[in-house]
Amino acid sequence: MTFQRIEKAPIAGLLHFEGRDIPFHAGDTLATALLAAGINAFRRTALSGEQRGPYCLMGVCFECLLCVDGIDNLRACVTPARNGMKIQRQQGAPAGPELKPEEQP
């Protein structure tokens, strides 16, 4: 499926996606900016290595997880685009939070 903008708007800034500069518009999320640029594979599954991308676009399905500025597991569909963000596809399973010694079984 191809995504395109309904109307032209001025570019608000640039995202840096795996060595490529991606323009975004005011009000864009990371998902809408990347989809408008023709990027629809945001991560690979840990089990099969299959590519995954945004599905629900409302923060429920977790298919659009990205690594943003070194932070894993950010949902692209609910993360506002900000100038200069460094974005990478997430590889494998999302990392869970580290448990403190007193929280470990």
PDB file of N, CA and C in Angstrom:
ATOM      1  N   MET A   1       0.849  -1.171   0.000  1.00  0.00           N
ATOM      2  CA  MET A   1       0.000   0.000   0.000  1.00  0.00           C
ATOM      3  C   MET A   1       0.897   1.236   0.000  1.00  0.00           C
ATOM      4  N   THR A   2       0.562   2.207  -0.811  1.00  0.00           N
ATOM      5  CA  THR A   2       1.323   3.443  -0.890  1.00  0.00           C
ATOM      6  C   THR A   2       0.590   4.544  -0.143  1.00  0.00           C
ATOM      7  N   PHE A   3       1.345   5.269   0.661  1.00  0.00           N
ATOM      8  CA  PHE A   3       0.783   6.394   1.401  1.00  0.00           C
ATOM      9  C   PHE A   3       1.261   7.680   0.753  1.00  0.00           C
ATOM     10  N   GLN A   4       0.382   8.633   0.634  1.00  0.00           N
ATOM     11  CA  GLN A   4       0.773   9.945   0.137  1.00  0.00           C
ATOM     12  C   GLN A   4      -0.036  11.017   0.844  1.00  0.00           C
ATOM     13  N   ARG A   5       0.519  12.185   0.893  1.00  0.00           N
ATOM     14  CA  ARG A   5      -0.139  13.288   1.585  1.00  0.00           C
ATOM     15  C   ARG A   5      -1.326  13.803   0.778  1.00  0.00           C
ATOM     16  N   ILE A   6      -2.353  14.232   1.481  1.00  0.00           N
ATOM     17  CA  ILE A   6      -3.544  14.773   0.834  1.00  0.00           C
ATOM     18  C   ILE A   6      -3.258  16.159   0.274  1.00  0.00           C
ATOM     19  N   GLU A   7      -2.528  16.951   1.037  1.00  0.00           N
ATOM     20  CA  GLU A   7      -2.219  18.303   0.580  1.00  0.00           C
ATOM     21  C   GLU A   7      -0.776  18.633   0.917  1.00  0.00           C
ATOM     22  N   LYS A   8      -0.237  19.566   0.191  1.00  0.00           N
ATOM     23  CA  LYS A   8       1.150  19.992   0.419  1.00  0.00           C
ATOM     24  C   LYS A   8       1.210  20.919   1.626  1.00  0.00           C
ATOM     25  N   ALA A   9       2.218  20.740   2.425  1.00  0.00           N
ATOM     26  CA  ALA A   9       2.450  21.599   3.586  1.00  0.00           C
ATOM     27  C   ALA A   9       3.948  21.860   3.661  1.00  0.00           C
ATOM     28  N   PRO A  10       4.350  22.943   4.298  1.00  0.00           N
ATOM     29  CA  PRO A  10       5.787  23.209   4.402  1.00  0.00           C
ATOM     30  C   PRO A  10       6.478  22.160   5.270  1.00  0.00           C
ATOM     31  N   ILE A  11       7.710  21.879   4.925  1.00  0.00           N
ATOM     32  CA  ILE A  11       8.509  20.919   5.693  1.00  0.00           C
ATOM     33  C   ILE A  11       8.877  21.550   7.028  1.00  0.00           C
ATOM     34  N   ALA A  12       8.667  20.796   8.110  1.00  0.00           N
ATOM     35  CA  ALA A  12       8.945  21.294   9.458  1.00  0.00           C
ATOM     36  C   ALA A  12      10.338  20.913   9.938  1.00  0.00           C
ATOM     37  N   GLY A  13      10.945  19.905   9.326  1.00  0.00           N
ATOM     38  CA  GLY A  13      12.265  19.469   9.749  1.00  0.00           C
ATOM     39  C   GLY A  13      12.654  18.181   9.060  1.00  0.00           C
ATOM     40  N   LEU A  14      13.785  17.608   9.523  1.00  0.00           N
ATOM     41  CA  LEU A  14      14.296  16.371   8.941  1.00  0.00           C
ATOM     42  C   LEU A  14      14.529  15.332  10.021  1.00  0.00           C
ATOM     43  N   LEU A  15      14.172  14.093   9.698  1.00  0.00           N
ATOM     44  CA  LEU A  15      14.513  12.932  10.511  1.00  0.00           C
ATOM     45  C   LEU A  15      15.696  12.253   9.835  1.00  0.00           C
ATOM     46  N   HIS A  16      16.526  11.571  10.598  1.00  0.00           N
ATOM     47  CA  HIS A  16      17.663  10.838  10.037  1.00  0.00           C
ATOM     48  C   HIS A  16      17.375   9.353  10.211  1.00  0.00           C
ATOM     49  N   PHE A  17      16.992   8.698   9.115  1.00  0.00           N
ATOM     50  CA  PHE A  17      16.607   7.292   9.145  1.00  0.00           C
ATOM     51  C   PHE A  17      17.647   6.460   8.419  1.00  0.00           C
ATOM     52  N   GLU A  18      18.483   5.759   9.177  1.00  0.00           N
ATOM     53  CA  GLU A  18      19.480   4.839   8.627  1.00  0.00           C
ATOM     54  C   GLU A  18      20.269   5.469   7.482  1.00  0.00           C
ATOM     55  N   GLY A  19      20.780   6.673   7.720  1.00  0.00           N
ATOM     56  CA  GLY A  19      21.620   7.357   6.750  1.00  0.00           C
ATOM     57  C   GLY A  19      20.874   8.166   5.705  1.00  0.00           C
ATOM     58  N   ARG A  20      19.570   8.212   5.818  1.00  0.00           N
ATOM     59  CA  ARG A  20      18.743   8.943   4.844  1.00  0.00           C
ATOM     60  C   ARG A  20      17.987  10.056   5.560  1.00  0.00           C
ATOM     61  N   ASP A  21      17.991  11.253   4.991  1.00  0.00           N
ATOM     62  CA  ASP A  21      17.221  12.361   5.559  1.00  0.00           C
ATOM     63  C   ASP A  21      15.779  12.276   5.074  1.00  0.00           C
ATOM     64  N   ILE A  22      14.841  12.283   6.020  1.00  0.00           N
ATOM     65  CA  ILE A  22      13.416  12.172   5.727  1.00  0.00           C
ATOM     66  C   ILE A  22      12.735  13.462   6.176  1.00  0.00           C
ATOM     67  N   PRO A  23      12.133  14.210   5.260  1.00  0.00           N
ATOM     68  CA  PRO A  23      11.413  15.420   5.674  1.00  0.00           C
ATOM     69  C   PRO A  23      10.109  15.057   6.373  1.00  0.00           C
ATOM     70  N   PHE A  24       9.696  15.917   7.297  1.00  0.00           N
ATOM     71  CA  PHE A  24       8.387  15.720   7.924  1.00  0.00           C
ATOM     72  C   PHE A  24       7.669  17.055   8.001  1.00  0.00           C
ATOM     73  N   HIS A  25       6.378  16.979   8.201  1.00  0.00           N
ATOM     74  CA  HIS A  25       5.522  18.161   8.257  1.00  0.00           C
ATOM     75  C   HIS A  25       4.988  18.338   9.673  1.00  0.00           C
ATOM     76  N   ALA A  26       4.558  19.530   9.999  1.00  0.00           N
ATOM     77  CA  ALA A  26       3.985  19.800  11.322  1.00  0.00           C
ATOM     78  C   ALA A  26       2.845  18.825  11.579  1.00  0.00           C
ATOM     79  N   GLY A  27       2.845  18.232  12.762  1.00  0.00           N
ATOM     80  CA  GLY A  27       1.798  17.293  13.144  1.00  0.00           C
ATOM     81  C   GLY A  27       2.092  15.850  12.793  1.00  0.00           C
ATOM     82  N   ASP A  28       3.173  15.582  12.050  1.00  0.00           N
ATOM     83  CA  ASP A  28       3.512  14.201  11.698  1.00  0.00           C
ATOM     84  C   ASP A  28       3.979  13.422  12.912  1.00  0.00           C
ATOM     85  N   THR A  29       3.643  12.147  12.931  1.00  0.00           N
ATOM     86  CA  THR A  29       4.285  11.202  13.832  1.00  0.00           C
ATOM     87  C   THR A  29       5.450  10.595  13.052  1.00  0.00           C
ATOM     88  N   LEU A  30       6.278   9.811  13.740  1.00  0.00           N
ATOM     89  CA  LEU A  30       7.353   9.128  13.026  1.00  0.00           C
ATOM     90  C   LEU A  30       6.773   8.210  11.957  1.00  0.00           C
ATOM     91  N   ALA A  31       5.687   7.522  12.282  1.00  0.00           N
ATOM     92  CA  ALA A  31       5.078   6.595  11.322  1.00  0.00           C
ATOM     93  C   ALA A  31       4.589   7.316  10.075  1.00  0.00           C
ATOM     94  N   THR A  32       3.875   8.421  10.234  1.00  0.00           N
ATOM     95  CA  THR A  32       3.343   9.106   9.051  1.00  0.00           C
ATOM     96  C   THR A  32       4.465   9.680   8.194  1.00  0.00           C
ATOM     97  N   ALA A  33       5.517  10.177   8.819  1.00  0.00           N
ATOM     98  CA  ALA A  33       6.643  10.720   8.051  1.00  0.00           C
ATOM     99  C   ALA A  33       7.348   9.618   7.266  1.00  0.00           C
ATOM    100  N   LEU A  34       7.596   8.479   7.909  1.00  0.00           N
ATOM    101  CA  LEU A  34       8.285   7.383   7.226  1.00  0.00           C
ATOM    102  C   LEU A  34       7.410   6.764   6.141  1.00  0.00           C
ATOM    103  N   LEU A  35       6.133   6.571   6.431  1.00  0.00           N
ATOM    104  CA  LEU A  35       5.230   6.016   5.420  1.00  0.00           C
ATOM    105  C   LEU A  35       5.136   6.937   4.205  1.00  0.00           C
ATOM    106  N   ALA A  36       5.058   8.243   4.430  1.00  0.00           N
ATOM    107  CA  ALA A  36       4.987   9.199   3.319  1.00  0.00           C
ATOM    108  C   ALA A  36       6.265   9.176   2.482  1.00  0.00           C
ATOM    109  N   ALA A  37       7.382   8.763   3.101  1.00  0.00           N
ATOM    110  CA  ALA A  37       8.658   8.665   2.387  1.00  0.00           C
ATOM    111  C   ALA A  37       8.834   7.305   1.714  1.00  0.00           C
ATOM    112  N   GLY A  38       7.807   6.451   1.801  1.00  0.00           N
ATOM    113  CA  GLY A  38       7.874   5.145   1.150  1.00  0.00           C
ATOM    114  C   GLY A  38       8.500   4.050   1.986  1.00  0.00           C
ATOM    115  N   ILE A  39       8.719   4.308   3.266  1.00  0.00           N
ATOM    116  CA  ILE A  39       9.311   3.306   4.161  1.00  0.00           C
ATOM    117  C   ILE A  39       8.176   2.647   4.932  1.00  0.00           C
ATOM    118  N   ASN A  40       7.980   1.341   4.715  1.00  0.00           N
ATOM    119  CA  ASN A  40       6.881   0.670   5.408  1.00  0.00           C
ATOM    120  C   ASN A  40       7.311  -0.513   6.256  1.00  0.00           C
ATOM    121  N   ALA A  41       8.578  -0.883   6.242  1.00  0.00           N
ATOM    122  CA  ALA A  41       9.094  -1.937   7.120  1.00  0.00           C
ATOM    123  C   ALA A  41       9.871  -1.268   8.245  1.00  0.00           C
ATOM    124  N   PHE A  42       9.353  -1.366   9.456  1.00  0.00           N
ATOM    125  CA  PHE A  42       9.952  -0.672  10.598  1.00  0.00           C
ATOM    126  C   PHE A  42      10.788  -1.586  11.485  1.00  0.00           C
ATOM    127  N   ARG A  43      10.512  -2.879  11.451  1.00  0.00           N
ATOM    128  CA  ARG A  43      11.251  -3.801  12.314  1.00  0.00           C
ATOM    129  C   ARG A  43      11.179  -5.199  11.726  1.00  0.00           C
ATOM    130  N   ARG A  44      11.945  -6.126  12.316  1.00  0.00           N
ATOM    131  CA  ARG A  44      11.890  -7.550  11.967  1.00  0.00           C
ATOM    132  C   ARG A  44      11.539  -8.333  13.224  1.00  0.00           C
ATOM    133  N   THR A  45      10.753  -9.377  13.049  1.00  0.00           N
ATOM    134  CA  THR A  45      10.377 -10.191  14.201  1.00  0.00           C
ATOM    135  C   THR A  45      11.559 -11.044  14.648  1.00  0.00           C
ATOM    136  N   ALA A  46      11.601 -11.362  15.921  1.00  0.00           N
ATOM    137  CA  ALA A  46      12.682 -12.172  16.473  1.00  0.00           C
ATOM    138  C   ALA A  46      12.582 -13.618  16.000  1.00  0.00           C
ATOM    139  N   LEU A  47      11.380 -14.133  15.890  1.00  0.00           N
ATOM    140  CA  LEU A  47      11.183 -15.546  15.579  1.00  0.00           C
ATOM    141  C   LEU A  47      11.451 -15.862  14.110  1.00  0.00           C
ATOM    142  N   SER A  48      10.813 -15.156  13.205  1.00  0.00           N
ATOM    143  CA  SER A  48      10.912 -15.496  11.782  1.00  0.00           C
ATOM    144  C   SER A  48      11.780 -14.539  10.974  1.00  0.00           C
ATOM    145  N   GLY A  49      12.060 -13.369  11.516  1.00  0.00           N
ATOM    146  CA  GLY A  49      12.814 -12.368  10.771  1.00  0.00           C
ATOM    147  C   GLY A  49      11.973 -11.610   9.754  1.00  0.00           C
ATOM    148  N   GLU A  50      10.661 -11.843   9.770  1.00  0.00           N
ATOM    149  CA  GLU A  50       9.758 -11.159   8.843  1.00  0.00           C
ATOM    150  C   GLU A  50       9.707  -9.661   9.138  1.00  0.00           C
ATOM    151  N   GLN A  51       9.539  -8.882   8.078  1.00  0.00           N
ATOM    152  CA  GLN A  51       9.411  -7.440   8.241  1.00  0.00           C
ATOM    153  C   GLN A  51       8.021  -7.092   8.758  1.00  0.00           C
ATOM    154  N   ARG A  52       7.977  -6.093   9.620  1.00  0.00           N
ATOM    155  CA  ARG A  52       6.706  -5.620  10.178  1.00  0.00           C
ATOM    156  C   ARG A  52       6.656  -4.107  10.048  1.00  0.00           C
ATOM    157  N   GLY A  53       5.452  -3.577  10.018  1.00  0.00           N
ATOM    158  CA  GLY A  53       5.268  -2.136   9.918  1.00  0.00           C
ATOM    159  C   GLY A  53       3.985  -1.718  10.589  1.00  0.00           C
ATOM    160  N   PRO A  54       3.666  -0.442  10.545  1.00  0.00           N
ATOM    161  CA  PRO A  54       2.465   0.061  11.206  1.00  0.00           C
ATOM    162  C   PRO A  54       1.218  -0.676  10.732  1.00  0.00           C
ATOM    163  N   TYR A  55       0.355  -0.968  11.683  1.00  0.00           N
ATOM    164  CA  TYR A  55      -0.897  -1.656  11.377  1.00  0.00           C
ATOM    165  C   TYR A  55      -2.093  -0.834  11.852  1.00  0.00           C
ATOM    166  N   CYS A  56      -2.138  -0.570  13.152  1.00  0.00           N
ATOM    167  CA  CYS A  56      -3.324   0.110  13.700  1.00  0.00           C
ATOM    168  C   CYS A  56      -3.203   1.636  13.650  1.00  0.00           C
ATOM    169  N   LEU A  57      -1.990   2.153  13.686  1.00  0.00           N
ATOM    170  CA  LEU A  57      -1.712   3.596  13.693  1.00  0.00           C
ATOM    171  C   LEU A  57      -2.376   4.340  14.846  1.00  0.00           C
ATOM    172  N   MET A  58      -2.596   3.626  15.968  1.00  0.00           N
ATOM    173  CA  MET A  58      -3.156   4.296  17.154  1.00  0.00           C
ATOM    174  C   MET A  58      -2.536   3.789  18.452  1.00  0.00           C
ATOM    175  N   GLY A  59      -1.384   3.107  18.364  1.00  0.00           N
ATOM    176  CA  GLY A  59      -0.641   2.734  19.552  1.00  0.00           C
ATOM    177  C   GLY A  59      -1.033   1.446  20.230  1.00  0.00           C
ATOM    178  N   VAL A  60      -1.846   0.615  19.590  1.00  0.00           N
ATOM    179  CA  VAL A  60      -2.346  -0.591  20.239  1.00  0.00           C
ATOM    180  C   VAL A  60      -1.565  -1.849  19.851  1.00  0.00           C
ATOM    181  N   CYS A  61      -1.174  -1.978  18.593  1.00  0.00           N
ATOM    182  CA  CYS A  61      -0.644  -3.258  18.101  1.00  0.00           C
ATOM    183  C   CYS A  61       0.861  -3.447  18.305  1.00  0.00           C
ATOM    184  N   PHE A  62       1.620  -2.404  18.503  1.00  0.00           N
ATOM    185  CA  PHE A  62       3.070  -2.453  18.728  1.00  0.00           C
ATOM    186  C   PHE A  62       3.852  -3.014  17.533  1.00  0.00           C
ATOM    187  N   GLU A  63       3.290  -2.928  16.334  1.00  0.00           N
ATOM    188  CA  GLU A  63       3.992  -3.395  15.134  1.00  0.00           C
ATOM    189  C   GLU A  63       4.966  -2.352  14.597  1.00  0.00           C
ATOM    190  N   CYS A  64       4.877  -1.122  15.061  1.00  0.00           N
ATOM    191  CA  CYS A  64       5.681  -0.026  14.499  1.00  0.00           C
ATOM    192  C   CYS A  64       6.850   0.372  15.400  1.00  0.00           C
ATOM    193  N   LEU A  65       7.340  -0.551  16.220  1.00  0.00           N
ATOM    194  CA  LEU A  65       8.423  -0.208  17.146  1.00  0.00           C
ATOM    195  C   LEU A  65       9.696   0.164  16.396  1.00  0.00           C
ATOM    196  N   LEU A  66      10.332   1.234  16.860  1.00  0.00           N
ATOM    197  CA  LEU A  66      11.579   1.725  16.285  1.00  0.00           C
ATOM    198  C   LEU A  66      12.579   2.016  17.394  1.00  0.00           C
ATOM    199  N   CYS A  67      13.840   2.122  17.009  1.00  0.00           N
ATOM    200  CA  CYS A  67      14.886   2.618  17.899  1.00  0.00           C
ATOM    201  C   CYS A  67      15.094   4.087  17.535  1.00  0.00           C
ATOM    202  N   VAL A  68      14.852   4.976  18.496  1.00  0.00           N
ATOM    203  CA  VAL A  68      14.929   6.419  18.248  1.00  0.00           C
ATOM    204  C   VAL A  68      15.927   7.038  19.218  1.00  0.00           C
ATOM    205  N   ASP A  69      16.947   7.678  18.672  1.00  0.00           N
ATOM    206  CA  ASP A  69      17.992   8.307  19.486  1.00  0.00           C
ATOM    207  C   ASP A  69      18.546   7.333  20.519  1.00  0.00           C
ATOM    208  N   GLY A  70      18.724   6.071  20.108  1.00  0.00           N
ATOM    209  CA  GLY A  70      19.295   5.044  20.972  1.00  0.00           C
ATOM    210  C   GLY A  70      18.321   4.391  21.930  1.00  0.00           C
ATOM    211  N   ILE A  71      17.058   4.754  21.875  1.00  0.00           N
ATOM    212  CA  ILE A  71      16.046   4.183  22.775  1.00  0.00           C
ATOM    213  C   ILE A  71      15.167   3.224  21.979  1.00  0.00           C
ATOM    214  N   ASP A  72      15.156   1.949  22.381  1.00  0.00           N
ATOM    215  CA  ASP A  72      14.343   0.929  21.716  1.00  0.00           C
ATOM    216  C   ASP A  72      12.881   1.028  22.124  1.00  0.00           C
ATOM    217  N   ASN A  73      12.045   0.354  21.352  1.00  0.00           N
ATOM    218  CA  ASN A  73      10.631   0.121  21.682  1.00  0.00           C
ATOM    219  C   ASN A  73       9.747   1.357  21.637  1.00  0.00           C
ATOM    220  N   LEU A  74      10.091   2.356  20.861  1.00  0.00           N
ATOM    221  CA  LEU A  74       9.203   3.509  20.735  1.00  0.00           C
ATOM    222  C   LEU A  74       8.187   3.240  19.634  1.00  0.00           C
ATOM    223  N   ARG A  75       6.918   3.470  19.945  1.00  0.00           N
ATOM    224  CA  ARG A  75       5.848   3.274  18.963  1.00  0.00           C
ATOM    225  C   ARG A  75       5.836   4.471  18.014  1.00  0.00           C
ATOM    226  N   ALA A  76       6.155   4.205  16.765  1.00  0.00           N
ATOM    227  CA  ALA A  76       6.267   5.270  15.762  1.00  0.00           C
ATOM    228  C   ALA A  76       4.951   5.980  15.518  1.00  0.00           C
ATOM    229  N   CYS A  77       3.844   5.279  15.706  1.00  0.00           N
ATOM    230  CA  CYS A  77       2.541   5.871  15.372  1.00  0.00           C
ATOM    231  C   CYS A  77       2.061   6.886  16.400  1.00  0.00           C
ATOM    232  N   VAL A  78       2.653   6.904  17.577  1.00  0.00           N
ATOM    233  CA  VAL A  78       2.239   7.869  18.606  1.00  0.00           C
ATOM    234  C   VAL A  78       3.388   8.767  19.057  1.00  0.00           C
ATOM    235  N   THR A  79       4.532   8.672  18.378  1.00  0.00           N
ATOM    236  CA  THR A  79       5.692   9.495  18.719  1.00  0.00           C
ATOM    237  C   THR A  79       5.782  10.664  17.741  1.00  0.00           C
ATOM    238  N   PRO A  80       5.624  11.897  18.236  1.00  0.00           N
ATOM    239  CA  PRO A  80       5.699  13.054  17.338  1.00  0.00           C
ATOM    240  C   PRO A  80       7.092  13.189  16.715  1.00  0.00           C
ATOM    241  N   ALA A  81       7.138  13.544  15.449  1.00  0.00           N
ATOM    242  CA  ALA A  81       8.406  13.785  14.766  1.00  0.00           C
ATOM    243  C   ALA A  81       9.008  15.094  15.270  1.00  0.00           C
ATOM    244  N   ARG A  82      10.324  15.048  15.570  1.00  0.00           N
ATOM    245  CA  ARG A  82      11.053  16.246  15.986  1.00  0.00           C
ATOM    246  C   ARG A  82      12.329  16.338  15.157  1.00  0.00           C
ATOM    247  N   ASN A  83      12.704  17.528  14.822  1.00  0.00           N
ATOM    248  CA  ASN A  83      13.864  17.755  13.974  1.00  0.00           C
ATOM    249  C   ASN A  83      15.113  17.100  14.555  1.00  0.00           C
ATOM    250  N   GLY A  84      15.839  16.380  13.692  1.00  0.00           N
ATOM    251  CA  GLY A  84      17.116  15.800  14.070  1.00  0.00           C
ATOM    252  C   GLY A  84      17.061  14.426  14.710  1.00  0.00           C
ATOM    253  N   MET A  85      15.879  13.844  14.890  1.00  0.00           N
ATOM    254  CA  MET A  85      15.794  12.507  15.493  1.00  0.00           C
ATOM    255  C   MET A  85      16.569  11.507  14.638  1.00  0.00           C
ATOM    256  N   LYS A  86      17.322  10.617  15.317  1.00  0.00           N
ATOM    257  CA  LYS A  86      18.056   9.553  14.632  1.00  0.00           C
ATOM    258  C   LYS A  86      17.272   8.256  14.835  1.00  0.00           C
ATOM    259  N   ILE A  87      16.838   7.668  13.726  1.00  0.00           N
ATOM    260  CA  ILE A  87      15.919   6.536  13.775  1.00  0.00           C
ATOM    261  C   ILE A  87      16.530   5.332  13.072  1.00  0.00           C
ATOM    262  N   GLN A  88      16.345   4.158  13.691  1.00  0.00           N
ATOM    263  CA  GLN A  88      16.770   2.897  13.086  1.00  0.00           C
ATOM    264  C   GLN A  88      15.647   1.882  13.217  1.00  0.00           C
ATOM    265  N   ARG A  89      15.638   0.924  12.280  1.00  0.00           N
ATOM    266  CA  ARG A  89      14.705  -0.188  12.412  1.00  0.00           C
ATOM    267  C   ARG A  89      15.077  -0.982  13.655  1.00  0.00           C
ATOM    268  N   GLN A  90      14.080  -1.490  14.326  1.00  0.00           N
ATOM    269  CA  GLN A  90      14.337  -2.328  15.491  1.00  0.00           C
ATOM    270  C   GLN A  90      14.537  -3.759  15.009  1.00  0.00           C
ATOM    271  N   GLN A  91      15.570  -4.400  15.524  1.00  0.00           N
ATOM    272  CA  GLN A  91      15.885  -5.765  15.127  1.00  0.00           C
ATOM    273  C   GLN A  91      15.541  -6.727  16.254  1.00  0.00           C
ATOM    274  N   GLY A  92      14.788  -7.769  15.951  1.00  0.00           N
ATOM    275  CA  GLY A  92      14.487  -8.803  16.932  1.00  0.00           C
ATOM    276  C   GLY A  92      13.437  -8.396  17.938  1.00  0.00           C
ATOM    277  N   ALA A  93      13.423  -9.135  19.034  1.00  0.00           N
ATOM    278  CA  ALA A  93      12.401  -8.943  20.069  1.00  0.00           C
ATOM    279  C   ALA A  93      12.634  -7.648  20.823  1.00  0.00           C
ATOM    280  N   PRO A  94      11.553  -6.976  21.194  1.00  0.00           N
ATOM    281  CA  PRO A  94      11.707  -5.791  22.034  1.00  0.00           C
ATOM    282  C   PRO A  94      12.335  -6.177  23.367  1.00  0.00           C
ATOM    283  N   ALA A  95      13.287  -5.406  23.804  1.00  0.00           N
ATOM    284  CA  ALA A  95      13.916  -5.663  25.098  1.00  0.00           C
ATOM    285  C   ALA A  95      12.974  -5.219  26.207  1.00  0.00           C
ATOM    286  N   GLY A  96      12.876  -6.036  27.228  1.00  0.00           N
ATOM    287  CA  GLY A  96      12.057  -5.667  28.379  1.00  0.00           C
ATOM    288  C   GLY A  96      12.860  -4.829  29.353  1.00  0.00           C
ATOM    289  N   PRO A  97      12.216  -4.298  30.363  1.00  0.00           N
ATOM    290  CA  PRO A  97      12.940  -3.497  31.350  1.00  0.00           C
ATOM    291  C   PRO A  97      13.866  -4.375  32.178  1.00  0.00           C
ATOM    292  N   GLU A  98      15.003  -3.815  32.561  1.00  0.00           N
ATOM    293  CA  GLU A  98      15.914  -4.554  33.432  1.00  0.00           C
ATOM    294  C   GLU A  98      15.354  -4.554  34.844  1.00  0.00           C
ATOM    295  N   LEU A  99      15.407  -5.723  35.480  1.00  0.00           N
ATOM    296  CA  LEU A  99      14.907  -5.843  36.846  1.00  0.00           C
ATOM    297  C   LEU A  99      16.004  -5.487  37.833  1.00  0.00           C
ATOM    298  N   LYS A 100      15.636  -4.763  38.872  1.00  0.00           N
ATOM    299  CA  LYS A 100      16.557  -4.483  39.968  1.00  0.00           C
ATOM    300  C   LYS A 100      16.758  -5.782  40.742  1.00  0.00           C
ATOM    301  N   PRO A 101      17.897  -5.925  41.456  1.00  0.00           N
ATOM    302  CA  PRO A 101      18.144  -7.178  42.185  1.00  0.00           C
ATOM    303  C   PRO A 101      16.978  -7.598  43.081  1.00  0.00           C
ATOM    304  N   GLU A 102      16.338  -6.643  43.748  1.00  0.00           N
ATOM    305  CA  GLU A 102      15.238  -7.005  44.650  1.00  0.00           C
ATOM    306  C   GLU A 102      13.970  -7.421  43.899  1.00  0.00           C
ATOM    307  N   GLU A 103      13.908  -7.148  42.588  1.00  0.00           N
ATOM    308  CA  GLU A 103      12.736  -7.515  41.783  1.00  0.00           C
ATOM    309  C   GLU A 103      12.902  -8.855  41.076  1.00  0.00           C
ATOM    310  N   GLN A 104      14.131  -9.391  41.060  1.00  0.00           N
ATOM    311  CA  GLN A 104      14.388 -10.642  40.354  1.00  0.00           C
ATOM    312  C   GLN A 104      13.845 -11.823  41.145  1.00  0.00           C
ATOM    313  N   PRO A 105      13.381 -12.863  40.413  1.00  0.00           N
ATOM    314  CA  PRO A 105      12.815 -14.039  41.111  1.00  0.00           C
ATOM    315  C   PRO A 105      13.861 -14.821  41.874  1.00  0.00           C
TER     316      PRO A 105
END
